[in-house]
Amino acid sequence: MDPLTERLALIVLFIAIAGLVVMDLLPTAQSLGLGLAIGVLIGTYFLPSVIAFSRGHQHSAPILLLNLFLGWTLVGWVAALVWAAMPVSATPPSAVS
């Protein structure tokens, strides 16, 4: 399986699990659509974090924290998404003396 397919599968799996968790919390069969909608929203909300972790980004944890605490603002979510999409460097940057 190529890396892009693996990433997309991970994202779909994350959204599906979030939807199942929400649907399990809601008791009635009529809430199926609501649970699915909330699952998709949760999956979309954490999309920058999923992308960062799936790419092996060297700043995955800070991206997750930015996404978690400031993702509710559109600016924080877009910043996390842009940061997650930035190139992954093979070596960490050296410290400036």
Protein backbone atom coordinates (compact mmCIF):
# COMPACT_ATOMS: atom_id res chain seq x y z
CA MET A 1 0.00 0.00 0.00
CA ASP A 2 1.45 3.38 -0.94
CA PRO A 3 1.90 6.11 1.72
CA LEU A 4 -0.96 8.28 0.44
CA THR A 5 -3.41 5.40 0.64
CA GLU A 6 -2.21 4.60 4.17
CA ARG A 7 -2.74 8.22 5.24
CA LEU A 8 -6.22 8.36 3.76
CA ALA A 9 -7.10 5.04 5.40
CA LEU A 10 -5.88 6.37 8.74
CA ILE A 11 -8.00 9.50 8.38
CA VAL A 12 -11.10 7.51 7.43
CA LEU A 13 -10.51 5.12 10.34
CA PHE A 14 -10.15 8.04 12.76
CA ILE A 15 -13.41 9.60 11.55
CA ALA A 16 -15.21 6.25 11.75
CA ILE A 17 -14.02 5.60 15.31
CA ALA A 18 -15.03 9.09 16.39
CA GLY A 19 -18.47 8.56 14.87
CA LEU A 20 -18.88 5.19 16.59
CA VAL A 21 -17.89 6.62 19.94
CA VAL A 22 -20.40 9.46 19.59
CA MET A 23 -23.15 7.10 18.38
CA ASP A 24 -22.49 4.83 21.36
CA LEU A 25 -23.04 7.79 23.68
CA LEU A 26 -26.38 8.64 22.05
CA PRO A 27 -29.14 6.17 23.01
CA THR A 28 -31.72 6.26 20.20
CA ALA A 29 -31.65 4.99 16.64
CA GLN A 30 -32.79 8.42 15.45
CA SER A 31 -29.49 9.83 16.64
CA LEU A 32 -27.56 7.84 14.01
CA GLY A 33 -27.36 10.84 11.69
CA LEU A 34 -26.41 13.16 14.54
CA GLY A 35 -23.70 10.74 15.70
CA LEU A 36 -22.32 10.46 12.19
CA ALA A 37 -22.34 14.24 11.75
CA ILE A 38 -20.58 14.78 15.08
CA GLY A 39 -18.04 12.08 14.19
CA VAL A 40 -17.27 13.79 10.89
CA LEU A 41 -16.92 17.14 12.68
CA ILE A 42 -14.55 15.64 15.26
CA GLY A 43 -12.55 13.99 12.49
CA THR A 44 -12.35 17.25 10.57
CA TYR A 45 -11.39 19.17 13.71
CA PHE A 46 -8.41 16.89 14.37
CA LEU A 47 -7.44 16.51 10.70
CA PRO A 48 -4.22 18.58 11.08
CA SER A 49 -3.09 16.34 13.95
CA VAL A 50 -3.91 13.16 12.03
CA ILE A 51 -1.95 14.45 9.04
CA ALA A 52 1.04 15.40 11.21
CA PHE A 53 1.20 12.03 12.98
CA SER A 54 0.63 10.04 9.79
CA ARG A 55 3.47 11.88 8.05
CA GLY A 56 5.84 11.38 10.98
CA HIS A 57 6.20 15.14 11.39
CA GLN A 58 8.94 16.12 13.83
CA HIS A 59 6.53 18.58 15.52
CA SER A 60 3.52 16.27 15.81
CA ALA A 61 2.97 16.89 19.54
CA PRO A 62 3.02 20.72 19.29
CA ILE A 63 0.69 20.52 16.28
CA LEU A 64 -1.69 18.37 18.34
CA LEU A 65 -1.59 20.89 21.20
CA LEU A 66 -2.21 23.81 18.84
CA ASN A 67 -5.04 21.89 17.23
CA LEU A 68 -6.54 20.88 20.58
CA PHE A 69 -6.46 24.28 22.28
CA LEU A 70 -6.75 26.76 19.40
CA GLY A 71 -8.35 24.66 16.68
CA TRP A 72 -11.79 26.00 17.63
CA THR A 73 -10.69 29.31 16.14
CA LEU A 74 -10.43 29.15 12.39
CA VAL A 75 -7.00 30.77 12.54
CA GLY A 76 -5.65 28.11 14.94
CA TRP A 77 -7.05 25.26 12.83
CA VAL A 78 -5.61 26.66 9.59
CA ALA A 79 -2.25 27.31 11.29
CA ALA A 80 -2.15 23.69 12.53
CA LEU A 81 -3.09 22.41 9.06
CA VAL A 82 -0.41 24.49 7.33
CA TRP A 83 2.18 23.44 9.92
CA ALA A 84 1.24 19.77 9.49
CA ALA A 85 1.54 20.09 5.70
CA MET A 86 5.01 21.65 5.82
CA PRO A 87 7.89 19.44 4.65
CA VAL A 88 9.25 16.93 7.15
CA SER A 89 12.97 17.32 7.56
CA ALA A 90 15.14 14.24 7.96
CA THR A 91 17.42 15.89 10.53
CA PRO A 92 16.34 18.23 13.32
CA PRO A 93 17.48 21.82 12.99
CA SER A 94 20.77 22.57 14.76
CA ALA A 95 20.85 24.89 17.72
CA VAL A 96 22.24 28.36 17.17
CA SER A 97 25.31 29.05 19.32
